[in-house]
Amino acid sequence: MIGKLSGDERAQELASLPEWTLVAEPEGIKRRFTFSDFSEAFGFMTRVALLAEQANHHPEWFNVYNRVDITLTTHDADGLSRRDIDLAKAIDALLSA
């Protein structure tokens, strides 16, 4: 079973993810990504999809033209878990690559 992070664990982990914000419904973290055009946004989504598939942990996301909104939550844990933090860090690493 995947465990939900405690309040202290959430605060500690979010300190290393300054672009991500805590959301209440569903309990998790969210970040907005903005690109120059749709092709760049879609390419990013494709790279995230490959990471998510490899991790067997899939984001909730929304795309309009050059914008991608990603929410990470672990439904099995009923909230934010280590899997969400790890995927957020991997997603962020795509932008610095």
PDB file of N, CA and C in Angstrom:
ATOM      1  N   MET A   1       0.831  -1.190   0.000  1.00  0.00           N
ATOM      2  CA  MET A   1       0.000   0.000   0.000  1.00  0.00           C
ATOM      3  C   MET A   1       0.872   1.250   0.000  1.00  0.00           C
ATOM      4  N   ILE A   2       0.467   2.217  -0.729  1.00  0.00           N
ATOM      5  CA  ILE A   2       1.189   3.476  -0.849  1.00  0.00           C
ATOM      6  C   ILE A   2       0.685   4.419   0.242  1.00  0.00           C
ATOM      7  N   GLY A   3       1.620   5.003   0.972  1.00  0.00           N
ATOM      8  CA  GLY A   3       1.228   5.868   2.080  1.00  0.00           C
ATOM      9  C   GLY A   3       1.120   7.331   1.703  1.00  0.00           C
ATOM     10  N   LYS A   4       0.143   7.984   2.289  1.00  0.00           N
ATOM     11  CA  LYS A   4      -0.070   9.419   2.135  1.00  0.00           C
ATOM     12  C   LYS A   4       0.966  10.157   2.983  1.00  0.00           C
ATOM     13  N   LEU A   5       1.535  11.236   2.433  1.00  0.00           N
ATOM     14  CA  LEU A   5       2.520  12.018   3.178  1.00  0.00           C
ATOM     15  C   LEU A   5       1.839  12.789   4.305  1.00  0.00           C
ATOM     16  N   SER A   6       2.542  12.906   5.418  1.00  0.00           N
ATOM     17  CA  SER A   6       2.045  13.701   6.542  1.00  0.00           C
ATOM     18  C   SER A   6       2.196  15.186   6.208  1.00  0.00           C
ATOM     19  N   GLY A   7       1.625  16.033   7.026  1.00  0.00           N
ATOM     20  CA  GLY A   7       1.742  17.477   6.827  1.00  0.00           C
ATOM     21  C   GLY A   7       3.190  17.948   6.823  1.00  0.00           C
ATOM     22  N   ASP A   8       3.995  17.434   7.753  1.00  0.00           N
ATOM     23  CA  ASP A   8       5.411  17.807   7.810  1.00  0.00           C
ATOM     24  C   ASP A   8       6.158  17.315   6.578  1.00  0.00           C
ATOM     25  N   GLU A   9       5.874  16.093   6.161  1.00  0.00           N
ATOM     26  CA  GLU A   9       6.524  15.546   4.963  1.00  0.00           C
ATOM     27  C   GLU A   9       6.148  16.361   3.719  1.00  0.00           C
ATOM     28  N   ARG A  10       4.861  16.726   3.611  1.00  0.00           N
ATOM     29  CA  ARG A  10       4.419  17.557   2.472  1.00  0.00           C
ATOM     30  C   ARG A  10       5.179  18.871   2.437  1.00  0.00           C
ATOM     31  N   ALA A  11       5.262  19.539   3.575  1.00  0.00           N
ATOM     32  CA  ALA A  11       5.948  20.840   3.648  1.00  0.00           C
ATOM     33  C   ALA A  11       7.415  20.706   3.267  1.00  0.00           C
ATOM     34  N   GLN A  12       8.061  19.678   3.764  1.00  0.00           N
ATOM     35  CA  GLN A  12       9.475  19.463   3.467  1.00  0.00           C
ATOM     36  C   GLN A  12       9.682  19.203   1.973  1.00  0.00           C
ATOM     37  N   GLU A  13       8.861  18.371   1.397  1.00  0.00           N
ATOM     38  CA  GLU A  13       9.016  18.029  -0.021  1.00  0.00           C
ATOM     39  C   GLU A  13       8.661  19.208  -0.927  1.00  0.00           C
ATOM     40  N   LEU A  14       7.634  19.960  -0.580  1.00  0.00           N
ATOM     41  CA  LEU A  14       7.249  21.098  -1.410  1.00  0.00           C
ATOM     42  C   LEU A  14       8.301  22.199  -1.403  1.00  0.00           C
ATOM     43  N   ALA A  15       9.127  22.246  -0.368  1.00  0.00           N
ATOM     44  CA  ALA A  15      10.216  23.222  -0.326  1.00  0.00           C
ATOM     45  C   ALA A  15      11.189  22.986  -1.479  1.00  0.00           C
ATOM     46  N   SER A  16      11.298  21.745  -1.934  1.00  0.00           N
ATOM     47  CA  SER A  16      12.199  21.426  -3.053  1.00  0.00           C
ATOM     48  C   SER A  16      11.488  21.507  -4.403  1.00  0.00           C
ATOM     49  N   LEU A  17      10.199  21.860  -4.387  1.00  0.00           N
ATOM     50  CA  LEU A  17       9.395  21.973  -5.616  1.00  0.00           C
ATOM     51  C   LEU A  17       8.669  23.322  -5.610  1.00  0.00           C
ATOM     52  N   PRO A  18       9.417  24.425  -5.719  1.00  0.00           N
ATOM     53  CA  PRO A  18       8.808  25.747  -5.534  1.00  0.00           C
ATOM     54  C   PRO A  18       7.743  26.123  -6.562  1.00  0.00           C
ATOM     55  N   GLU A  19       7.744  25.512  -7.726  1.00  0.00           N
ATOM     56  CA  GLU A  19       6.763  25.844  -8.761  1.00  0.00           C
ATOM     57  C   GLU A  19       5.446  25.074  -8.594  1.00  0.00           C
ATOM     58  N   TRP A  20       5.427  24.094  -7.728  1.00  0.00           N
ATOM     59  CA  TRP A  20       4.241  23.275  -7.496  1.00  0.00           C
ATOM     60  C   TRP A  20       3.503  23.811  -6.280  1.00  0.00           C
ATOM     61  N   THR A  21       2.186  23.787  -6.336  1.00  0.00           N
ATOM     62  CA  THR A  21       1.386  24.250  -5.205  1.00  0.00           C
ATOM     63  C   THR A  21       0.458  23.130  -4.735  1.00  0.00           C
ATOM     64  N   LEU A  22       0.184  23.151  -3.459  1.00  0.00           N
ATOM     65  CA  LEU A  22      -0.721  22.180  -2.857  1.00  0.00           C
ATOM     66  C   LEU A  22      -2.154  22.512  -3.255  1.00  0.00           C
ATOM     67  N   VAL A  23      -2.914  21.500  -3.623  1.00  0.00           N
ATOM     68  CA  VAL A  23      -4.332  21.675  -3.938  1.00  0.00           C
ATOM     69  C   VAL A  23      -5.145  20.742  -3.047  1.00  0.00           C
ATOM     70  N   ALA A  24      -6.381  21.150  -2.803  1.00  0.00           N
ATOM     71  CA  ALA A  24      -7.225  20.395  -1.869  1.00  0.00           C
ATOM     72  C   ALA A  24      -8.064  19.326  -2.552  1.00  0.00           C
ATOM     73  N   GLU A  25      -8.480  19.558  -3.775  1.00  0.00           N
ATOM     74  CA  GLU A  25      -9.437  18.644  -4.408  1.00  0.00           C
ATOM     75  C   GLU A  25      -9.030  18.331  -5.836  1.00  0.00           C
ATOM     76  N   PRO A  26      -8.479  17.196  -6.139  1.00  0.00           N
ATOM     77  CA  PRO A  26      -8.094  16.154  -5.171  1.00  0.00           C
ATOM     78  C   PRO A  26      -6.830  16.588  -4.440  1.00  0.00           C
ATOM     79  N   GLU A  27      -6.633  16.075  -3.241  1.00  0.00           N
ATOM     80  CA  GLU A  27      -5.446  16.456  -2.483  1.00  0.00           C
ATOM     81  C   GLU A  27      -4.210  16.031  -3.258  1.00  0.00           C
ATOM     82  N   GLY A  28      -3.397  17.005  -3.606  1.00  0.00           N
ATOM     83  CA  GLY A  28      -2.194  16.728  -4.375  1.00  0.00           C
ATOM     84  C   GLY A  28      -1.440  18.012  -4.633  1.00  0.00           C
ATOM     85  N   ILE A  29      -0.679  18.015  -5.719  1.00  0.00           N
ATOM     86  CA  ILE A  29       0.072  19.199  -6.120  1.00  0.00           C
ATOM     87  C   ILE A  29      -0.231  19.509  -7.580  1.00  0.00           C
ATOM     88  N   LYS A  30      -0.081  20.800  -7.914  1.00  0.00           N
ATOM     89  CA  LYS A  30      -0.443  21.258  -9.249  1.00  0.00           C
ATOM     90  C   LYS A  30       0.601  22.250  -9.744  1.00  0.00           C
ATOM     91  N   ARG A  31       0.812  22.225 -11.068  1.00  0.00           N
ATOM     92  CA  ARG A  31       1.715  23.195 -11.691  1.00  0.00           C
ATOM     93  C   ARG A  31       1.214  23.510 -13.092  1.00  0.00           C
ATOM     94  N   ARG A  32       1.368  24.764 -13.476  1.00  0.00           N
ATOM     95  CA  ARG A  32       1.030  25.200 -14.838  1.00  0.00           C
ATOM     96  C   ARG A  32       2.336  25.399 -15.608  1.00  0.00           C
ATOM     97  N   PHE A  33       2.361  24.874 -16.821  1.00  0.00           N
ATOM     98  CA  PHE A  33       3.496  25.012 -17.727  1.00  0.00           C
ATOM     99  C   PHE A  33       3.014  25.776 -18.954  1.00  0.00           C
ATOM    100  N   THR A  34       3.790  26.756 -19.395  1.00  0.00           N
ATOM    101  CA  THR A  34       3.430  27.541 -20.564  1.00  0.00           C
ATOM    102  C   THR A  34       4.573  27.471 -21.570  1.00  0.00           C
ATOM    103  N   PHE A  35       4.223  27.213 -22.819  1.00  0.00           N
ATOM    104  CA  PHE A  35       5.205  27.040 -23.882  1.00  0.00           C
ATOM    105  C   PHE A  35       4.956  28.043 -25.002  1.00  0.00           C
ATOM    106  N   SER A  36       5.812  28.059 -25.993  1.00  0.00           N
ATOM    107  CA  SER A  36       5.686  29.044 -27.064  1.00  0.00           C
ATOM    108  C   SER A  36       4.535  28.740 -28.008  1.00  0.00           C
ATOM    109  N   ASP A  37       4.173  27.459 -28.144  1.00  0.00           N
ATOM    110  CA  ASP A  37       3.078  27.099 -29.047  1.00  0.00           C
ATOM    111  C   ASP A  37       2.554  25.705 -28.701  1.00  0.00           C
ATOM    112  N   PHE A  38       1.566  25.266 -29.448  1.00  0.00           N
ATOM    113  CA  PHE A  38       0.939  23.968 -29.197  1.00  0.00           C
ATOM    114  C   PHE A  38       1.919  22.814 -29.400  1.00  0.00           C
ATOM    115  N   SER A  39       2.742  22.887 -30.440  1.00  0.00           N
ATOM    116  CA  SER A  39       3.684  21.795 -30.710  1.00  0.00           C
ATOM    117  C   SER A  39       4.643  21.576 -29.543  1.00  0.00           C
ATOM    118  N   GLU A  40       5.141  22.671 -28.987  1.00  0.00           N
ATOM    119  CA  GLU A  40       6.048  22.560 -27.851  1.00  0.00           C
ATOM    120  C   GLU A  40       5.316  21.981 -26.634  1.00  0.00           C
ATOM    121  N   ALA A  41       4.094  22.422 -26.398  1.00  0.00           N
ATOM    122  CA  ALA A  41       3.301  21.893 -25.283  1.00  0.00           C
ATOM    123  C   ALA A  41       3.019  20.404 -25.473  1.00  0.00           C
ATOM    124  N   PHE A  42       2.663  20.024 -26.692  1.00  0.00           N
ATOM    125  CA  PHE A  42       2.343  18.620 -26.960  1.00  0.00           C
ATOM    126  C   PHE A  42       3.595  17.746 -26.837  1.00  0.00           C
ATOM    127  N   GLY A  43       4.737  18.266 -27.294  1.00  0.00           N
ATOM    128  CA  GLY A  43       5.986  17.518 -27.137  1.00  0.00           C
ATOM    129  C   GLY A  43       6.306  17.279 -25.670  1.00  0.00           C
ATOM    130  N   PHE A  44       6.096  18.303 -24.853  1.00  0.00           N
ATOM    131  CA  PHE A  44       6.294  18.175 -23.406  1.00  0.00           C
ATOM    132  C   PHE A  44       5.360  17.116 -22.835  1.00  0.00           C
ATOM    133  N   MET A  45       4.093  17.154 -23.236  1.00  0.00           N
ATOM    134  CA  MET A  45       3.123  16.169 -22.747  1.00  0.00           C
ATOM    135  C   MET A  45       3.551  14.747 -23.130  1.00  0.00           C
ATOM    136  N   THR A  46       4.104  14.598 -24.310  1.00  0.00           N
ATOM    137  CA  THR A  46       4.569  13.285 -24.755  1.00  0.00           C
ATOM    138  C   THR A  46       5.704  12.791 -23.865  1.00  0.00           C
ATOM    139  N   ARG A  47       6.648  13.673 -23.549  1.00  0.00           N
ATOM    140  CA  ARG A  47       7.758  13.279 -22.674  1.00  0.00           C
ATOM    141  C   ARG A  47       7.257  12.939 -21.270  1.00  0.00           C
ATOM    142  N   VAL A  48       6.292  13.717 -20.771  1.00  0.00           N
ATOM    143  CA  VAL A  48       5.712  13.422 -19.454  1.00  0.00           C
ATOM    144  C   VAL A  48       4.979  12.084 -19.492  1.00  0.00           C
ATOM    145  N   ALA A  49       4.272  11.814 -20.576  1.00  0.00           N
ATOM    146  CA  ALA A  49       3.545  10.545 -20.696  1.00  0.00           C
ATOM    147  C   ALA A  49       4.497   9.360 -20.619  1.00  0.00           C
ATOM    148  N   LEU A  50       5.662   9.478 -21.243  1.00  0.00           N
ATOM    149  CA  LEU A  50       6.641   8.389 -21.180  1.00  0.00           C
ATOM    150  C   LEU A  50       7.171   8.190 -19.769  1.00  0.00           C
ATOM    151  N   LEU A  51       7.445   9.294 -19.060  1.00  0.00           N
ATOM    152  CA  LEU A  51       7.863   9.197 -17.653  1.00  0.00           C
ATOM    153  C   LEU A  51       6.779   8.554 -16.795  1.00  0.00           C
ATOM    154  N   ALA A  52       5.555   9.000 -16.996  1.00  0.00           N
ATOM    155  CA  ALA A  52       4.431   8.497 -16.204  1.00  0.00           C
ATOM    156  C   ALA A  52       4.212   7.010 -16.443  1.00  0.00           C
ATOM    157  N   GLU A  53       4.316   6.609 -17.681  1.00  0.00           N
ATOM    158  CA  GLU A  53       4.125   5.186 -18.003  1.00  0.00           C
ATOM    159  C   GLU A  53       5.221   4.347 -17.358  1.00  0.00           C
ATOM    160  N   GLN A  54       6.455   4.848 -17.418  1.00  0.00           N
ATOM    161  CA  GLN A  54       7.580   4.139 -16.805  1.00  0.00           C
ATOM    162  C   GLN A  54       7.376   4.007 -15.292  1.00  0.00           C
ATOM    163  N   ALA A  55       6.847   5.045 -14.671  1.00  0.00           N
ATOM    164  CA  ALA A  55       6.616   5.038 -13.221  1.00  0.00           C
ATOM    165  C   ALA A  55       5.301   4.366 -12.843  1.00  0.00           C
ATOM    166  N   ASN A  56       4.476   4.055 -13.843  1.00  0.00           N
ATOM    167  CA  ASN A  56       3.131   3.523 -13.611  1.00  0.00           C
ATOM    168  C   ASN A  56       2.349   4.436 -12.660  1.00  0.00           C
ATOM    169  N   HIS A  57       2.475   5.728 -12.931  1.00  0.00           N
ATOM    170  CA  HIS A  57       1.811   6.754 -12.114  1.00  0.00           C
ATOM    171  C   HIS A  57       1.418   7.886 -13.042  1.00  0.00           C
ATOM    172  N   HIS A  58       0.154   8.061 -13.271  1.00  0.00           N
ATOM    173  CA  HIS A  58      -0.328   8.924 -14.352  1.00  0.00           C
ATOM    174  C   HIS A  58      -0.970  10.208 -13.834  1.00  0.00           C
ATOM    175  N   PRO A  59      -0.602  11.345 -14.441  1.00  0.00           N
ATOM    176  CA  PRO A  59      -1.111  12.636 -13.977  1.00  0.00           C
ATOM    177  C   PRO A  59      -2.530  12.905 -14.456  1.00  0.00           C
ATOM    178  N   GLU A  60      -3.156  13.826 -13.768  1.00  0.00           N
ATOM    179  CA  GLU A  60      -4.372  14.443 -14.285  1.00  0.00           C
ATOM    180  C   GLU A  60      -3.881  15.709 -14.963  1.00  0.00           C
ATOM    181  N   TRP A  61      -4.288  15.917 -16.211  1.00  0.00           N
ATOM    182  CA  TRP A  61      -3.788  17.101 -16.891  1.00  0.00           C
ATOM    183  C   TRP A  61      -4.801  17.689 -17.838  1.00  0.00           C
ATOM    184  N   PHE A  62      -4.511  18.947 -18.203  1.00  0.00           N
ATOM    185  CA  PHE A  62      -5.401  19.707 -19.061  1.00  0.00           C
ATOM    186  C   PHE A  62      -4.519  20.540 -19.979  1.00  0.00           C
ATOM    187  N   ASN A  63      -4.852  20.542 -21.257  1.00  0.00           N
ATOM    188  CA  ASN A  63      -4.062  21.287 -22.231  1.00  0.00           C
ATOM    189  C   ASN A  63      -4.957  22.168 -23.077  1.00  0.00           C
ATOM    190  N   VAL A  64      -4.563  23.431 -23.203  1.00  0.00           N
ATOM    191  CA  VAL A  64      -5.160  24.356 -24.157  1.00  0.00           C
ATOM    192  C   VAL A  64      -4.008  25.072 -24.837  1.00  0.00           C
ATOM    193  N   TYR A  65      -3.931  24.916 -26.130  1.00  0.00           N
ATOM    194  CA  TYR A  65      -2.908  25.523 -26.977  1.00  0.00           C
ATOM    195  C   TYR A  65      -1.502  25.375 -26.384  1.00  0.00           C
ATOM    196  N   ASN A  66      -0.958  26.423 -25.769  1.00  0.00           N
ATOM    197  CA  ASN A  66       0.429  26.379 -25.299  1.00  0.00           C
ATOM    198  C   ASN A  66       0.545  26.148 -23.792  1.00  0.00           C
ATOM    199  N   ARG A  67      -0.564  25.830 -23.160  1.00  0.00           N
ATOM    200  CA  ARG A  67      -0.589  25.679 -21.703  1.00  0.00           C
ATOM    201  C   ARG A  67      -0.911  24.234 -21.315  1.00  0.00           C
ATOM    202  N   VAL A  68      -0.172  23.738 -20.327  1.00  0.00           N
ATOM    203  CA  VAL A  68      -0.416  22.405 -19.774  1.00  0.00           C
ATOM    204  C   VAL A  68      -0.513  22.544 -18.261  1.00  0.00           C
ATOM    205  N   ASP A  69      -1.642  22.145 -17.690  1.00  0.00           N
ATOM    206  CA  ASP A  69      -1.837  22.122 -16.241  1.00  0.00           C
ATOM    207  C   ASP A  69      -1.771  20.671 -15.790  1.00  0.00           C
ATOM    208  N   ILE A  70      -0.899  20.400 -14.833  1.00  0.00           N
ATOM    209  CA  ILE A  70      -0.727  19.034 -14.330  1.00  0.00           C
ATOM    210  C   ILE A  70      -1.057  18.994 -12.848  1.00  0.00           C
ATOM    211  N   THR A  71      -1.891  18.035 -12.458  1.00  0.00           N
ATOM    212  CA  THR A  71      -2.176  17.749 -11.056  1.00  0.00           C
ATOM    213  C   THR A  71      -1.700  16.336 -10.768  1.00  0.00           C
ATOM    214  N   LEU A  72      -0.957  16.192  -9.682  1.00  0.00           N
ATOM    215  CA  LEU A  72      -0.476  14.882  -9.248  1.00  0.00           C
ATOM    216  C   LEU A  72      -1.102  14.543  -7.906  1.00  0.00           C
ATOM    217  N   THR A  73      -1.697  13.373  -7.841  1.00  0.00           N
ATOM    218  CA  THR A  73      -2.277  12.850  -6.610  1.00  0.00           C
ATOM    219  C   THR A  73      -2.215  11.331  -6.693  1.00  0.00           C
ATOM    220  N   THR A  74      -2.261  10.678  -5.562  1.00  0.00           N
ATOM    221  CA  THR A  74      -2.262   9.217  -5.536  1.00  0.00           C
ATOM    222  C   THR A  74      -3.608   8.766  -4.995  1.00  0.00           C
ATOM    223  N   HIS A  75      -4.451   8.298  -5.890  1.00  0.00           N
ATOM    224  CA  HIS A  75      -5.804   7.903  -5.495  1.00  0.00           C
ATOM    225  C   HIS A  75      -5.787   6.762  -4.479  1.00  0.00           C
ATOM    226  N   ASP A  76      -4.836   5.824  -4.628  1.00  0.00           N
ATOM    227  CA  ASP A  76      -4.744   4.700  -3.686  1.00  0.00           C
ATOM    228  C   ASP A  76      -4.401   5.160  -2.267  1.00  0.00           C
ATOM    229  N   ALA A  77      -3.712   6.302  -2.147  1.00  0.00           N
ATOM    230  CA  ALA A  77      -3.343   6.839  -0.829  1.00  0.00           C
ATOM    231  C   ALA A  77      -4.318   7.915  -0.369  1.00  0.00           C
ATOM    232  N   ASP A  78      -5.272   8.247  -1.222  1.00  0.00           N
ATOM    233  CA  ASP A  78      -6.239   9.302  -0.924  1.00  0.00           C
ATOM    234  C   ASP A  78      -5.551  10.639  -0.651  1.00  0.00           C
ATOM    235  N   GLY A  79      -4.499  10.919  -1.448  1.00  0.00           N
ATOM    236  CA  GLY A  79      -3.804  12.187  -1.294  1.00  0.00           C
ATOM    237  C   GLY A  79      -2.398  12.133  -1.849  1.00  0.00           C
ATOM    238  N   LEU A  80      -1.588  13.060  -1.399  1.00  0.00           N
ATOM    239  CA  LEU A  80      -0.222  13.217  -1.884  1.00  0.00           C
ATOM    240  C   LEU A  80       0.685  12.137  -1.314  1.00  0.00           C
ATOM    241  N   SER A  81       1.452  11.500  -2.203  1.00  0.00           N
ATOM    242  CA  SER A  81       2.371  10.447  -1.780  1.00  0.00           C
ATOM    243  C   SER A  81       3.760  10.686  -2.367  1.00  0.00           C
ATOM    244  N   ARG A  82       4.688   9.852  -1.962  1.00  0.00           N
ATOM    245  CA  ARG A  82       6.057   9.890  -2.485  1.00  0.00           C
ATOM    246  C   ARG A  82       6.056   9.766  -4.008  1.00  0.00           C
ATOM    247  N   ARG A  83       5.144   8.990  -4.568  1.00  0.00           N
ATOM    248  CA  ARG A  83       5.087   8.810  -6.028  1.00  0.00           C
ATOM    249  C   ARG A  83       4.823  10.142  -6.727  1.00  0.00           C
ATOM    250  N   ASP A  84       3.985  10.984  -6.153  1.00  0.00           N
ATOM    251  CA  ASP A  84       3.692  12.291  -6.745  1.00  0.00           C
ATOM    252  C   ASP A  84       4.926  13.190  -6.713  1.00  0.00           C
ATOM    253  N   ILE A  85       5.613  13.184  -5.594  1.00  0.00           N
ATOM    254  CA  ILE A  85       6.819  14.010  -5.448  1.00  0.00           C
ATOM    255  C   ILE A  85       7.880  13.562  -6.443  1.00  0.00           C
ATOM    256  N   ASP A  86       8.088  12.260  -6.552  1.00  0.00           N
ATOM    257  CA  ASP A  86       9.092  11.733  -7.485  1.00  0.00           C
ATOM    258  C   ASP A  86       8.752  12.089  -8.930  1.00  0.00           C
ATOM    259  N   LEU A  87       7.482  11.976  -9.295  1.00  0.00           N
ATOM    260  CA  LEU A  87       7.089  12.310 -10.662  1.00  0.00           C
ATOM    261  C   LEU A  87       7.217  13.815 -10.906  1.00  0.00           C
ATOM    262  N   ALA A  88       6.859  14.642  -9.944  1.00  0.00           N
ATOM    263  CA  ALA A  88       7.004  16.096 -10.089  1.00  0.00           C
ATOM    264  C   ALA A  88       8.471  16.458 -10.320  1.00  0.00           C
ATOM    265  N   LYS A  89       9.377  15.838  -9.583  1.00  0.00           N
ATOM    266  CA  LYS A  89      10.798  16.109  -9.763  1.00  0.00           C
ATOM    267  C   LYS A  89      11.278  15.656 -11.141  1.00  0.00           C
ATOM    268  N   ALA A  90      10.792  14.523 -11.607  1.00  0.00           N
ATOM    269  CA  ALA A  90      11.157  14.042 -12.945  1.00  0.00           C
ATOM    270  C   ALA A  90      10.616  14.970 -14.026  1.00  0.00           C
ATOM    271  N   ILE A  91       9.400  15.466 -13.839  1.00  0.00           N
ATOM    272  CA  ILE A  91       8.814  16.406 -14.796  1.00  0.00           C
ATOM    273  C   ILE A  91       9.630  17.697 -14.825  1.00  0.00           C
ATOM    274  N   ASP A  92       9.959  18.216 -13.672  1.00  0.00           N
ATOM    275  CA  ASP A  92      10.766  19.429 -13.602  1.00  0.00           C
ATOM    276  C   ASP A  92      12.122  19.230 -14.290  1.00  0.00           C
ATOM    277  N   ALA A  93      12.698  18.046 -14.143  1.00  0.00           N
ATOM    278  CA  ALA A  93      13.993  17.757 -14.766  1.00  0.00           C
ATOM    279  C   ALA A  93      13.912  17.806 -16.292  1.00  0.00           C
ATOM    280  N   LEU A  94      12.746  17.512 -16.854  1.00  0.00           N
ATOM    281  CA  LEU A  94      12.590  17.603 -18.311  1.00  0.00           C
ATOM    282  C   LEU A  94      12.833  19.021 -18.801  1.00  0.00           C
ATOM    283  N   LEU A  95      12.460  20.000 -18.006  1.00  0.00           N
ATOM    284  CA  LEU A  95      12.605  21.395 -18.408  1.00  0.00           C
ATOM    285  C   LEU A  95      14.035  21.895 -18.349  1.00  0.00           C
ATOM    286  N   SER A  96      14.850  21.248 -17.552  1.00  0.00           N
ATOM    287  CA  SER A  96      16.250  21.674 -17.441  1.00  0.00           C
ATOM    288  C   SER A  96      17.168  20.850 -18.336  1.00  0.00           C
ATOM    289  N   ALA A  97      16.594  19.875 -19.024  1.00  0.00           N
ATOM    290  CA  ALA A  97      17.414  19.002 -19.897  1.00  0.00           C
ATOM    291  C   ALA A  97      17.667  19.644 -21.249  1.00  0.00           C
TER     292      ALA A  97
END
